[in-house]
């Protein structure tokens, strides 16, 4: 299973996602893509198998992913203080991968109806959403497309 983690700014959310996903799914291929070098570096230090930075890395990574995980801003053009370009948001949105979005309300984007939870709890819930995919992949004997 190819899991793509996308994050921006300092990579704090991505770092926690990478660490939790690697613990829960050690055999998955985990790619970290940051909108900047600091975010990518943080996710690589947390255990991502490979990493890249920038708009084209997001576009290419979305083509090859079975699962995309990140803060909800990765599907909103100009989110995360402008670090998410329109091309990045479109690439995530149009990807055939399952998207697991963490509801972080920042930069004038608010997710209504979601109770306030700690980042750690949100990451746990995001990782739990991968379980059905892993089981499906194991039963089918091949990658999820």
N, C-alpha and C. Protein backbone atom coordinates (compact mmCIF):
# COMPACT_ATOMS: atom_id res chain seq x y z
N UNK A 1 0.86 -1.17 0.00
CA UNK A 1 0.00 0.00 0.00
C UNK A 1 0.91 1.23 0.00
N UNK A 2 0.62 2.18 -0.87
CA UNK A 2 1.36 3.44 -0.96
C UNK A 2 0.58 4.54 -0.25
N UNK A 3 1.16 5.05 0.81
CA UNK A 3 0.52 6.09 1.60
C UNK A 3 1.31 7.38 1.42
N UNK A 4 0.59 8.44 1.05
CA UNK A 4 1.19 9.76 0.85
C UNK A 4 0.72 10.68 1.97
N UNK A 5 1.68 11.27 2.67
CA UNK A 5 1.37 12.24 3.71
C UNK A 5 1.82 13.61 3.19
N UNK A 6 0.90 14.56 3.20
CA UNK A 6 1.19 15.91 2.73
C UNK A 6 1.01 16.88 3.89
N UNK A 7 1.98 17.77 4.06
CA UNK A 7 1.87 18.79 5.09
C UNK A 7 2.61 20.04 4.66
N UNK A 8 2.41 21.11 5.42
CA UNK A 8 3.00 22.41 5.11
C UNK A 8 3.65 22.98 6.35
N UNK A 9 4.00 24.24 6.26
CA UNK A 9 4.59 25.01 7.35
C UNK A 9 5.70 24.22 8.03
N UNK A 10 5.62 23.92 9.31
CA UNK A 10 6.70 23.23 10.01
C UNK A 10 6.62 21.72 9.99
N UNK A 11 5.56 21.16 9.43
CA UNK A 11 5.43 19.72 9.34
C UNK A 11 5.01 19.03 10.62
N UNK A 12 4.50 19.78 11.59
CA UNK A 12 4.12 19.20 12.88
C UNK A 12 3.04 18.13 12.74
N UNK A 13 2.01 18.43 11.96
CA UNK A 13 0.92 17.46 11.77
C UNK A 13 1.44 16.25 11.00
N UNK A 14 2.16 16.51 9.91
CA UNK A 14 2.70 15.42 9.10
C UNK A 14 3.63 14.52 9.88
N UNK A 15 4.44 15.11 10.76
CA UNK A 15 5.36 14.33 11.59
C UNK A 15 4.59 13.34 12.46
N UNK A 16 3.50 13.81 13.06
CA UNK A 16 2.70 12.92 13.91
C UNK A 16 2.00 11.85 13.09
N UNK A 17 1.53 12.22 11.90
CA UNK A 17 0.88 11.24 11.04
C UNK A 17 1.88 10.16 10.63
N UNK A 18 3.05 10.56 10.15
CA UNK A 18 4.07 9.61 9.71
C UNK A 18 4.42 8.64 10.83
N UNK A 19 4.68 9.17 12.00
CA UNK A 19 5.06 8.33 13.14
C UNK A 19 3.97 7.30 13.46
N UNK A 20 2.73 7.74 13.48
CA UNK A 20 1.61 6.84 13.81
C UNK A 20 1.35 5.82 12.71
N UNK A 21 1.44 6.24 11.47
CA UNK A 21 1.20 5.31 10.35
C UNK A 21 2.30 4.27 10.29
N UNK A 22 3.57 4.67 10.47
CA UNK A 22 4.66 3.70 10.43
C UNK A 22 4.54 2.67 11.54
N UNK A 23 4.06 3.09 12.69
CA UNK A 23 3.87 2.16 13.80
C UNK A 23 2.74 1.17 13.49
N UNK A 24 1.65 1.66 12.93
CA UNK A 24 0.49 0.82 12.66
C UNK A 24 0.64 -0.04 11.40
N UNK A 25 1.37 0.48 10.41
CA UNK A 25 1.50 -0.21 9.11
C UNK A 25 2.96 -0.20 8.67
N UNK A 26 3.81 -0.97 9.33
CA UNK A 26 5.25 -0.93 9.04
C UNK A 26 5.60 -1.39 7.62
N UNK A 27 4.74 -2.17 6.98
CA UNK A 27 5.04 -2.66 5.63
C UNK A 27 4.57 -1.73 4.53
N UNK A 28 3.81 -0.71 4.87
CA UNK A 28 3.33 0.24 3.87
C UNK A 28 4.49 1.11 3.40
N UNK A 29 4.44 1.52 2.15
CA UNK A 29 5.40 2.49 1.64
C UNK A 29 4.86 3.88 1.95
N UNK A 30 5.60 4.63 2.74
CA UNK A 30 5.13 5.93 3.20
C UNK A 30 5.97 7.03 2.58
N UNK A 31 5.31 7.86 1.78
CA UNK A 31 5.97 8.99 1.13
C UNK A 31 5.52 10.28 1.79
N UNK A 32 6.47 11.11 2.14
CA UNK A 32 6.17 12.41 2.75
C UNK A 32 6.45 13.51 1.73
N UNK A 33 5.45 14.36 1.51
CA UNK A 33 5.65 15.51 0.63
C UNK A 33 5.28 16.77 1.40
N UNK A 34 6.25 17.64 1.51
CA UNK A 34 6.03 18.91 2.18
C UNK A 34 5.90 20.03 1.17
N UNK A 35 5.16 21.04 1.52
CA UNK A 35 5.08 22.21 0.65
C UNK A 35 6.36 23.03 0.77
N UNK A 36 7.17 22.72 1.78
CA UNK A 36 8.46 23.37 1.97
C UNK A 36 9.43 22.36 2.58
N UNK A 37 10.70 22.69 2.54
CA UNK A 37 11.73 21.77 3.02
C UNK A 37 11.64 21.42 4.49
N UNK A 38 11.21 22.37 5.31
CA UNK A 38 11.11 22.11 6.74
C UNK A 38 10.04 21.04 7.01
N UNK A 39 8.92 21.13 6.33
CA UNK A 39 7.85 20.14 6.52
C UNK A 39 8.33 18.76 6.06
N UNK A 40 8.98 18.71 4.91
CA UNK A 40 9.49 17.43 4.40
C UNK A 40 10.50 16.84 5.37
N UNK A 41 11.42 17.65 5.85
CA UNK A 41 12.45 17.19 6.78
C UNK A 41 11.84 16.62 8.06
N UNK A 42 10.85 17.28 8.60
CA UNK A 42 10.20 16.81 9.82
C UNK A 42 9.57 15.43 9.61
N UNK A 43 8.95 15.23 8.45
CA UNK A 43 8.30 13.95 8.18
C UNK A 43 9.32 12.85 7.91
N UNK A 44 10.43 13.18 7.26
CA UNK A 44 11.48 12.18 7.05
C UNK A 44 12.10 11.76 8.37
N UNK A 45 12.32 12.71 9.26
CA UNK A 45 12.87 12.39 10.58
C UNK A 45 11.92 11.51 11.38
N UNK A 46 10.61 11.61 11.11
CA UNK A 46 9.62 10.80 11.81
C UNK A 46 9.54 9.38 11.26
N UNK A 47 10.23 9.11 10.14
CA UNK A 47 10.28 7.74 9.63
C UNK A 47 9.72 7.49 8.26
N UNK A 48 9.38 8.53 7.50
CA UNK A 48 8.88 8.32 6.14
C UNK A 48 9.95 7.60 5.31
N UNK A 49 9.52 6.73 4.41
CA UNK A 49 10.45 5.98 3.57
C UNK A 49 11.14 6.86 2.54
N UNK A 50 10.43 7.86 2.06
CA UNK A 50 10.98 8.77 1.06
C UNK A 50 10.26 10.10 1.18
N UNK A 51 10.88 11.13 0.66
CA UNK A 51 10.27 12.44 0.78
C UNK A 51 10.65 13.34 -0.38
N UNK A 52 9.82 14.31 -0.62
CA UNK A 52 10.06 15.30 -1.66
C UNK A 52 9.36 16.58 -1.25
N UNK A 53 9.68 17.65 -1.96
CA UNK A 53 9.17 18.96 -1.58
C UNK A 53 8.61 19.69 -2.79
N UNK A 54 7.50 20.37 -2.60
CA UNK A 54 6.99 21.30 -3.60
C UNK A 54 5.79 20.82 -4.38
N UNK A 55 5.34 21.73 -5.24
CA UNK A 55 4.12 21.52 -6.01
C UNK A 55 4.18 20.28 -6.89
N UNK A 56 5.24 20.12 -7.67
CA UNK A 56 5.29 18.98 -8.57
C UNK A 56 5.37 17.66 -7.80
N UNK A 57 6.03 17.67 -6.67
CA UNK A 57 6.09 16.46 -5.84
C UNK A 57 4.70 16.06 -5.35
N UNK A 58 3.86 17.03 -5.02
CA UNK A 58 2.48 16.73 -4.62
C UNK A 58 1.73 16.14 -5.80
N UNK A 59 1.84 16.77 -6.96
CA UNK A 59 1.12 16.31 -8.15
C UNK A 59 1.51 14.87 -8.50
N UNK A 60 2.81 14.59 -8.55
CA UNK A 60 3.29 13.25 -8.89
C UNK A 60 2.93 12.25 -7.80
N UNK A 61 3.10 12.64 -6.54
CA UNK A 61 2.77 11.73 -5.44
C UNK A 61 1.31 11.32 -5.43
N UNK A 62 0.42 12.25 -5.78
CA UNK A 62 -1.02 11.95 -5.81
C UNK A 62 -1.37 10.92 -6.88
N UNK A 63 -0.58 10.85 -7.93
CA UNK A 63 -0.84 9.87 -9.00
C UNK A 63 -0.57 8.45 -8.54
N UNK A 64 0.38 8.28 -7.61
CA UNK A 64 0.84 6.95 -7.23
C UNK A 64 0.31 6.46 -5.88
N UNK A 65 -0.48 7.28 -5.22
CA UNK A 65 -0.91 6.95 -3.86
C UNK A 65 -2.19 6.11 -3.84
N UNK A 66 -2.25 5.22 -2.86
CA UNK A 66 -3.49 4.50 -2.57
C UNK A 66 -4.28 5.27 -1.51
N UNK A 67 -3.54 5.94 -0.62
CA UNK A 67 -4.13 6.72 0.47
C UNK A 67 -3.37 8.04 0.56
N UNK A 68 -4.10 9.14 0.72
CA UNK A 68 -3.51 10.44 0.95
C UNK A 68 -4.01 10.93 2.30
N UNK A 69 -3.08 11.33 3.16
CA UNK A 69 -3.45 11.81 4.49
C UNK A 69 -2.81 13.18 4.71
N UNK A 70 -3.59 14.08 5.29
CA UNK A 70 -3.06 15.38 5.64
C UNK A 70 -4.14 16.26 6.22
N UNK A 71 -3.78 17.47 6.62
CA UNK A 71 -4.79 18.41 7.12
C UNK A 71 -5.73 18.79 5.98
N UNK A 72 -6.94 19.15 6.31
CA UNK A 72 -7.96 19.44 5.31
C UNK A 72 -7.53 20.53 4.32
N UNK A 73 -6.61 21.36 4.73
CA UNK A 73 -6.12 22.43 3.87
C UNK A 73 -5.47 21.94 2.59
N UNK A 74 -5.09 20.68 2.51
CA UNK A 74 -4.44 20.18 1.29
C UNK A 74 -5.41 20.12 0.11
N UNK A 75 -6.70 20.29 0.36
CA UNK A 75 -7.67 20.32 -0.75
C UNK A 75 -8.24 21.72 -0.96
N UNK A 76 -7.64 22.73 -0.32
CA UNK A 76 -8.12 24.11 -0.42
C UNK A 76 -7.00 24.97 -0.99
N UNK A 77 -7.22 25.50 -2.19
CA UNK A 77 -6.22 26.36 -2.82
C UNK A 77 -5.91 27.55 -1.91
N UNK A 78 -4.65 27.87 -1.80
CA UNK A 78 -4.13 28.99 -1.02
C UNK A 78 -4.24 28.79 0.49
N UNK A 79 -4.55 27.58 0.94
CA UNK A 79 -4.61 27.30 2.38
C UNK A 79 -3.20 27.26 2.95
N UNK A 80 -3.13 27.12 4.25
CA UNK A 80 -1.87 27.02 4.99
C UNK A 80 -0.96 28.20 4.67
N UNK A 81 -1.53 29.39 4.83
CA UNK A 81 -0.83 30.64 4.58
C UNK A 81 -0.32 30.76 3.15
N UNK A 82 -1.05 30.14 2.22
CA UNK A 82 -0.71 30.24 0.81
C UNK A 82 0.23 29.15 0.32
N UNK A 83 0.64 28.23 1.18
CA UNK A 83 1.58 27.18 0.76
C UNK A 83 0.94 26.12 -0.12
N UNK A 84 -0.38 25.96 -0.04
CA UNK A 84 -1.06 24.99 -0.90
C UNK A 84 -1.50 25.73 -2.17
N UNK A 85 -0.86 25.40 -3.26
CA UNK A 85 -1.18 26.06 -4.53
C UNK A 85 -2.45 25.46 -5.11
N UNK A 86 -3.10 26.16 -6.03
CA UNK A 86 -4.27 25.57 -6.69
C UNK A 86 -3.95 24.23 -7.35
N UNK A 87 -2.79 24.10 -7.95
CA UNK A 87 -2.42 22.83 -8.60
C UNK A 87 -2.32 21.69 -7.58
N UNK A 88 -1.83 21.98 -6.39
CA UNK A 88 -1.74 20.96 -5.34
C UNK A 88 -3.14 20.51 -4.92
N UNK A 89 -4.01 21.48 -4.67
CA UNK A 89 -5.37 21.16 -4.23
C UNK A 89 -6.10 20.33 -5.28
N UNK A 90 -5.93 20.68 -6.54
CA UNK A 90 -6.57 19.93 -7.64
C UNK A 90 -6.01 18.52 -7.71
N UNK A 91 -4.69 18.38 -7.58
CA UNK A 91 -4.07 17.05 -7.65
C UNK A 91 -4.60 16.13 -6.56
N UNK A 92 -4.73 16.65 -5.35
CA UNK A 92 -5.27 15.85 -4.25
C UNK A 92 -6.73 15.52 -4.53
N UNK A 93 -7.50 16.52 -4.90
CA UNK A 93 -8.93 16.31 -5.15
C UNK A 93 -9.22 15.35 -6.28
N UNK A 94 -8.41 15.36 -7.32
CA UNK A 94 -8.66 14.50 -8.47
C UNK A 94 -8.02 13.12 -8.35
N UNK A 95 -7.19 12.92 -7.35
CA UNK A 95 -6.54 11.62 -7.18
C UNK A 95 -7.58 10.54 -6.89
N UNK A 96 -7.31 9.34 -7.40
CA UNK A 96 -8.19 8.21 -7.15
C UNK A 96 -7.95 7.62 -5.75
N UNK A 97 -6.94 8.09 -5.07
CA UNK A 97 -6.61 7.59 -3.74
C UNK A 97 -7.71 7.94 -2.74
N UNK A 98 -7.82 7.13 -1.71
CA UNK A 98 -8.70 7.48 -0.60
C UNK A 98 -8.05 8.63 0.14
N UNK A 99 -8.82 9.66 0.43
CA UNK A 99 -8.30 10.83 1.12
C UNK A 99 -8.77 10.81 2.57
N UNK A 100 -7.83 10.93 3.47
CA UNK A 100 -8.14 11.01 4.89
C UNK A 100 -7.68 12.39 5.34
N UNK A 101 -8.65 13.26 5.60
CA UNK A 101 -8.37 14.67 5.88
C UNK A 101 -8.60 14.97 7.36
N UNK A 102 -7.63 15.59 7.96
CA UNK A 102 -7.72 15.95 9.37
C UNK A 102 -8.33 17.34 9.48
N UNK A 103 -9.44 17.47 10.21
CA UNK A 103 -10.18 18.74 10.25
C UNK A 103 -9.53 19.80 11.14
N UNK A 104 -8.55 20.46 10.59
CA UNK A 104 -7.87 21.54 11.29
C UNK A 104 -8.47 22.86 10.80
N UNK A 105 -8.97 23.66 11.70
CA UNK A 105 -9.57 24.95 11.34
C UNK A 105 -8.54 26.05 11.49
N UNK A 106 -7.94 26.44 10.37
CA UNK A 106 -6.94 27.51 10.33
C UNK A 106 -7.13 28.31 9.05
N UNK A 107 -6.51 29.45 9.01
CA UNK A 107 -6.44 30.27 7.80
C UNK A 107 -7.82 30.56 7.21
N UNK A 108 -8.75 30.94 8.05
CA UNK A 108 -10.10 31.30 7.63
C UNK A 108 -10.90 30.15 7.04
N UNK A 109 -10.51 28.92 7.33
CA UNK A 109 -11.28 27.74 6.92
C UNK A 109 -11.71 27.02 8.19
N UNK A 110 -13.02 26.89 8.36
CA UNK A 110 -13.55 26.26 9.57
C UNK A 110 -14.43 25.09 9.19
N UNK A 111 -14.24 23.98 9.88
CA UNK A 111 -15.02 22.78 9.64
C UNK A 111 -16.12 22.75 10.70
N UNK A 112 -17.35 22.92 10.28
CA UNK A 112 -18.48 22.98 11.19
C UNK A 112 -18.95 21.57 11.51
N UNK A 113 -19.38 21.36 12.74
CA UNK A 113 -19.92 20.07 13.13
C UNK A 113 -18.89 19.09 13.64
N UNK A 114 -17.65 19.51 13.71
CA UNK A 114 -16.59 18.65 14.20
C UNK A 114 -16.20 19.16 15.58
N UNK A 115 -16.26 18.28 16.57
CA UNK A 115 -15.91 18.71 17.93
C UNK A 115 -14.41 18.94 18.04
N UNK A 116 -14.05 19.84 18.90
CA UNK A 116 -12.64 20.15 19.12
C UNK A 116 -11.96 18.95 19.79
N UNK A 117 -10.88 18.48 19.18
CA UNK A 117 -10.12 17.36 19.71
C UNK A 117 -8.65 17.69 19.61
N UNK A 118 -7.86 17.01 20.40
CA UNK A 118 -6.42 17.21 20.33
C UNK A 118 -5.90 16.68 19.00
N UNK A 119 -4.76 17.21 18.57
CA UNK A 119 -4.15 16.75 17.34
C UNK A 119 -3.84 15.26 17.42
N UNK A 120 -3.38 14.81 18.57
CA UNK A 120 -3.08 13.39 18.74
C UNK A 120 -4.29 12.50 18.51
N UNK A 121 -5.43 12.91 19.03
CA UNK A 121 -6.66 12.14 18.84
C UNK A 121 -7.09 12.14 17.37
N UNK A 122 -6.97 13.29 16.72
CA UNK A 122 -7.32 13.38 15.30
C UNK A 122 -6.43 12.47 14.46
N UNK A 123 -5.14 12.43 14.78
CA UNK A 123 -4.21 11.56 14.04
C UNK A 123 -4.57 10.10 14.27
N UNK A 124 -4.91 9.73 15.51
CA UNK A 124 -5.33 8.34 15.79
C UNK A 124 -6.54 7.95 14.95
N UNK A 125 -7.51 8.84 14.87
CA UNK A 125 -8.71 8.56 14.07
C UNK A 125 -8.37 8.45 12.59
N UNK A 126 -7.45 9.29 12.12
CA UNK A 126 -7.04 9.22 10.71
C UNK A 126 -6.37 7.88 10.40
N UNK A 127 -5.47 7.45 11.27
CA UNK A 127 -4.78 6.18 11.07
C UNK A 127 -5.76 5.02 11.12
N UNK A 128 -6.76 5.10 11.97
CA UNK A 128 -7.78 4.04 12.05
C UNK A 128 -8.54 3.88 10.74
N UNK A 129 -8.63 4.94 9.96
CA UNK A 129 -9.33 4.86 8.67
C UNK A 129 -8.56 4.05 7.64
N UNK A 130 -7.28 3.81 7.87
CA UNK A 130 -6.47 3.00 6.95
C UNK A 130 -6.76 1.52 7.13
N UNK A 131 -7.14 1.09 8.33
CA UNK A 131 -7.37 -0.32 8.62
C UNK A 131 -8.25 -1.03 7.59
N UNK A 132 -9.43 -0.51 7.25
CA UNK A 132 -10.26 -1.22 6.27
C UNK A 132 -9.55 -1.37 4.92
N UNK A 133 -8.74 -0.41 4.54
CA UNK A 133 -8.01 -0.49 3.29
C UNK A 133 -6.95 -1.58 3.33
N UNK A 134 -6.25 -1.67 4.44
CA UNK A 134 -5.22 -2.69 4.59
C UNK A 134 -5.82 -4.08 4.56
N UNK A 135 -6.96 -4.24 5.23
CA UNK A 135 -7.64 -5.53 5.22
C UNK A 135 -8.12 -5.89 3.83
N UNK A 136 -8.66 -4.93 3.11
CA UNK A 136 -9.13 -5.15 1.75
C UNK A 136 -7.97 -5.54 0.84
N UNK A 137 -6.83 -4.87 1.00
CA UNK A 137 -5.66 -5.18 0.20
C UNK A 137 -5.18 -6.59 0.48
N UNK A 138 -5.13 -6.97 1.75
CA UNK A 138 -4.67 -8.30 2.11
C UNK A 138 -5.58 -9.39 1.59
N UNK A 139 -6.90 -9.14 1.60
CA UNK A 139 -7.85 -10.14 1.11
C UNK A 139 -7.77 -10.29 -0.40
N UNK A 140 -7.52 -9.19 -1.10
CA UNK A 140 -7.47 -9.23 -2.56
C UNK A 140 -6.13 -9.73 -3.06
N UNK A 141 -5.10 -9.59 -2.22
CA UNK A 141 -3.79 -10.05 -2.63
C UNK A 141 -3.06 -9.10 -3.55
N UNK A 142 -3.59 -7.89 -3.74
CA UNK A 142 -2.90 -6.91 -4.57
C UNK A 142 -3.20 -5.51 -4.07
N UNK A 143 -2.54 -4.55 -4.67
CA UNK A 143 -2.70 -3.17 -4.23
C UNK A 143 -4.08 -2.62 -4.53
N UNK A 144 -4.51 -1.70 -3.70
CA UNK A 144 -5.76 -1.00 -3.92
C UNK A 144 -5.54 0.06 -4.99
N UNK A 145 -6.43 0.13 -5.92
CA UNK A 145 -6.31 1.14 -7.00
C UNK A 145 -7.55 2.00 -7.02
